[in-house]
Amino acid sequence: MEIGPGMHRVLALDVGSRRIGLAVSDALGITAQGLPTLTRKNKKADFAALRRVVRKYEIAEIVVGHPLRMSGEASAQTDKVLAFVEELRQEFPGPIHLWDERLTSAQANRILDESGHTRMQRKGIVDQMAAGLILQSFMESRSLAMRDPGNRHSG
């Protein structure tokens, strides 16, 4: 995965064992747009699909949801995501950030409940929406930090 001139979009990943939710920022880093959810096949196919997204949207950096227990402790899924991020660092030369994703899936499910989506309609949408929430939170924190350098959010 290569970064070219003028690339400054951020890609968010909500990494699960079956699917990877994807969202991309606009060029100004203000809004998040969900992309079609990637159904995982194998490492080679997953990274090939991610390379295509990085090229298509001219991604400059990636933010990956960091799954922690509500207590802040690591879980089995945390270890899997950290291993995925290490492999991603071998593929993508730009910055890769871990971002606390606690409650993003619950928030996505609540939004889908309120909009009347059935359980069957949610397959993949929850992952896409969770990635969008991760990205939006990351960008809002960055914007806050730029306006008030003393205000740091740990992600």
Protein backbone atom coordinates (compact mmCIF):
# COMPACT_ATOMS: atom_id res chain seq x y z
CA MET A 1 0.00 0.00 0.00
CA GLU A 2 1.53 3.28 -1.04
CA ILE A 3 0.77 6.83 -0.08
CA GLY A 4 0.84 9.31 -2.93
CA PRO A 5 0.95 13.11 -3.01
CA GLY A 6 -2.14 14.91 -1.78
CA MET A 7 -3.53 11.92 0.07
CA HIS A 8 -5.07 12.88 3.38
CA ARG A 9 -8.17 10.78 3.96
CA VAL A 10 -8.53 8.58 7.01
CA LEU A 11 -9.84 5.00 6.85
CA ALA A 12 -11.49 3.45 9.91
CA LEU A 13 -11.65 -0.29 10.46
CA ASP A 14 -13.95 -2.16 12.84
CA VAL A 15 -12.17 -5.51 12.78
CA GLY A 16 -14.15 -8.62 13.64
CA SER A 17 -13.50 -12.28 13.06
CA ARG A 18 -16.11 -12.52 10.25
CA ARG A 19 -16.33 -8.98 8.90
CA ILE A 20 -14.42 -5.69 8.80
CA GLY A 21 -16.51 -2.56 8.97
CA LEU A 22 -15.09 0.28 6.87
CA ALA A 23 -15.56 4.03 6.88
CA VAL A 24 -13.62 6.80 5.15
CA SER A 25 -13.30 10.50 5.90
CA ASP A 26 -13.86 13.24 3.40
CA ALA A 27 -10.73 14.98 2.12
CA LEU A 28 -10.98 17.65 4.83
CA GLY A 29 -11.28 15.12 7.65
CA ILE A 30 -14.67 16.44 8.77
CA THR A 31 -17.22 13.75 7.92
CA ALA A 32 -17.23 9.96 7.97
CA GLN A 33 -18.88 7.88 5.27
CA GLY A 34 -19.50 4.16 5.65
CA LEU A 35 -18.20 1.85 2.94
CA PRO A 36 -19.45 -1.64 2.12
CA THR A 37 -18.48 -4.09 4.84
CA LEU A 38 -15.68 -6.48 3.97
CA THR A 39 -16.59 -10.12 4.57
CA ARG A 40 -13.40 -11.79 5.69
CA LYS A 41 -12.08 -14.70 3.65
CA ASN A 42 -8.40 -15.15 4.46
CA LYS A 43 -5.45 -12.92 5.24
CA LYS A 44 -4.34 -12.59 1.61
CA ALA A 45 -7.82 -11.69 0.32
CA ASP A 46 -8.54 -9.37 3.25
CA PHE A 47 -5.35 -7.35 2.74
CA ALA A 48 -5.85 -7.27 -1.04
CA ALA A 49 -9.31 -5.76 -0.49
CA LEU A 50 -7.88 -3.22 1.97
CA ARG A 51 -5.15 -2.27 -0.52
CA ARG A 52 -7.86 -1.56 -3.12
CA VAL A 53 -9.72 0.70 -0.66
CA VAL A 54 -6.50 2.53 0.28
CA ARG A 55 -5.72 3.19 -3.39
CA LYS A 56 -9.26 4.12 -4.40
CA TYR A 57 -9.79 6.63 -1.58
CA GLU A 58 -6.16 7.82 -1.37
CA ILE A 59 -5.88 6.92 2.31
CA ALA A 60 -3.12 8.66 4.27
CA GLU A 61 -3.78 7.09 7.67
CA ILE A 62 -5.82 4.36 9.28
CA VAL A 63 -7.65 4.20 12.59
CA VAL A 64 -8.54 0.76 13.95
CA GLY A 65 -11.13 0.16 16.63
CA HIS A 66 -9.42 -1.05 19.82
CA PRO A 67 -11.79 -3.54 21.45
CA LEU A 68 -11.51 -3.37 25.23
CA ARG A 69 -13.77 -4.68 27.96
CA MET A 70 -15.88 -2.04 29.71
CA SER A 71 -13.31 -2.17 32.54
CA GLY A 72 -10.61 -1.15 30.07
CA GLU A 73 -8.97 -4.57 30.26
CA ALA A 74 -7.86 -6.47 27.15
CA SER A 75 -9.88 -9.42 25.85
CA ALA A 76 -9.27 -12.26 23.39
CA GLN A 77 -10.60 -9.99 20.62
CA THR A 78 -8.14 -7.27 21.70
CA ASP A 79 -5.25 -9.66 21.10
CA LYS A 80 -6.62 -10.60 17.65
CA VAL A 81 -7.00 -6.96 16.64
CA LEU A 82 -3.50 -6.09 17.88
CA ALA A 83 -2.08 -8.96 15.79
CA PHE A 84 -4.07 -7.69 12.78
CA VAL A 85 -2.69 -4.17 13.32
CA GLU A 86 0.88 -5.50 13.41
CA GLU A 87 0.33 -7.18 10.03
CA LEU A 88 -1.37 -4.02 8.73
CA ARG A 89 1.73 -2.02 9.69
CA GLN A 90 3.74 -4.27 7.33
CA GLU A 91 1.36 -3.42 4.46
CA PHE A 92 0.62 0.25 5.07
CA PRO A 93 3.44 2.77 5.55
CA GLY A 94 1.24 5.57 6.93
CA PRO A 95 0.20 6.18 10.52
CA ILE A 96 -2.07 3.57 12.09
CA HIS A 97 -3.93 4.55 15.23
CA LEU A 98 -5.77 2.38 17.74
CA TRP A 99 -9.00 4.00 18.93
CA ASP A 100 -11.17 2.95 21.86
CA GLU A 101 -14.27 1.41 20.33
CA ARG A 102 -16.19 0.59 23.50
CA LEU A 103 -19.92 1.05 22.97
CA THR A 104 -19.70 1.75 19.22
CA SER A 105 -21.50 -1.51 18.31
CA ALA A 106 -24.11 -0.88 21.02
CA GLN A 107 -24.57 2.68 19.73
CA ALA A 108 -24.84 1.40 16.13
CA ASN A 109 -27.47 -1.17 17.18
CA ARG A 110 -29.44 1.51 19.04
CA ILE A 111 -29.43 3.76 15.95
CA LEU A 112 -30.58 0.86 13.77
CA ASP A 113 -33.32 -0.02 16.31
CA GLU A 114 -34.56 3.55 16.20
CA SER A 115 -34.59 3.54 12.40
CA GLY A 116 -36.60 0.31 12.26
CA HIS A 117 -33.98 -2.07 10.78
CA THR A 118 -34.69 -5.75 11.41
CA ARG A 119 -31.98 -8.14 12.65
CA MET A 120 -31.60 -9.57 9.11
CA GLN A 121 -31.12 -6.11 7.60
CA ARG A 122 -28.33 -5.36 10.07
CA LYS A 123 -25.81 -7.92 8.85
CA GLY A 124 -22.79 -5.84 7.89
CA ILE A 125 -24.57 -2.53 8.50
CA VAL A 126 -23.65 -2.62 12.20
CA ASP A 127 -19.97 -3.09 11.31
CA GLN A 128 -20.07 -0.27 8.77
CA MET A 129 -21.84 2.03 11.21
CA ALA A 130 -19.44 1.12 14.05
CA ALA A 131 -16.49 1.99 11.78
CA GLY A 132 -18.17 5.32 11.01
CA LEU A 133 -18.65 6.03 14.72
CA ILE A 134 -14.99 5.15 15.42
CA LEU A 135 -13.87 7.48 12.64
CA GLN A 136 -16.18 10.31 13.67
CA SER A 137 -14.97 10.09 17.28
CA PHE A 138 -11.34 10.05 16.15
CA MET A 139 -11.81 13.09 13.89
CA GLU A 140 -13.77 15.02 16.53
CA SER A 141 -11.01 14.39 19.06
CA ARG A 142 -8.38 15.54 16.59
CA SER A 143 -10.37 18.68 15.82
CA LEU A 144 -10.75 19.40 19.55
CA ALA A 145 -7.03 18.90 20.11
CA MET A 146 -6.25 21.36 17.31
CA ARG A 147 -8.54 24.00 18.83
CA ASP A 148 -7.39 23.32 22.42
CA PRO A 149 -3.93 21.69 22.53
CA GLY A 150 -4.28 21.11 26.30
CA ASN A 151 -7.32 18.87 25.75
CA ARG A 152 -6.03 15.36 24.98
CA HIS A 153 -8.28 12.35 24.37
CA SER A 154 -6.69 8.96 24.86
CA GLY A 155 -7.88 6.47 22.31
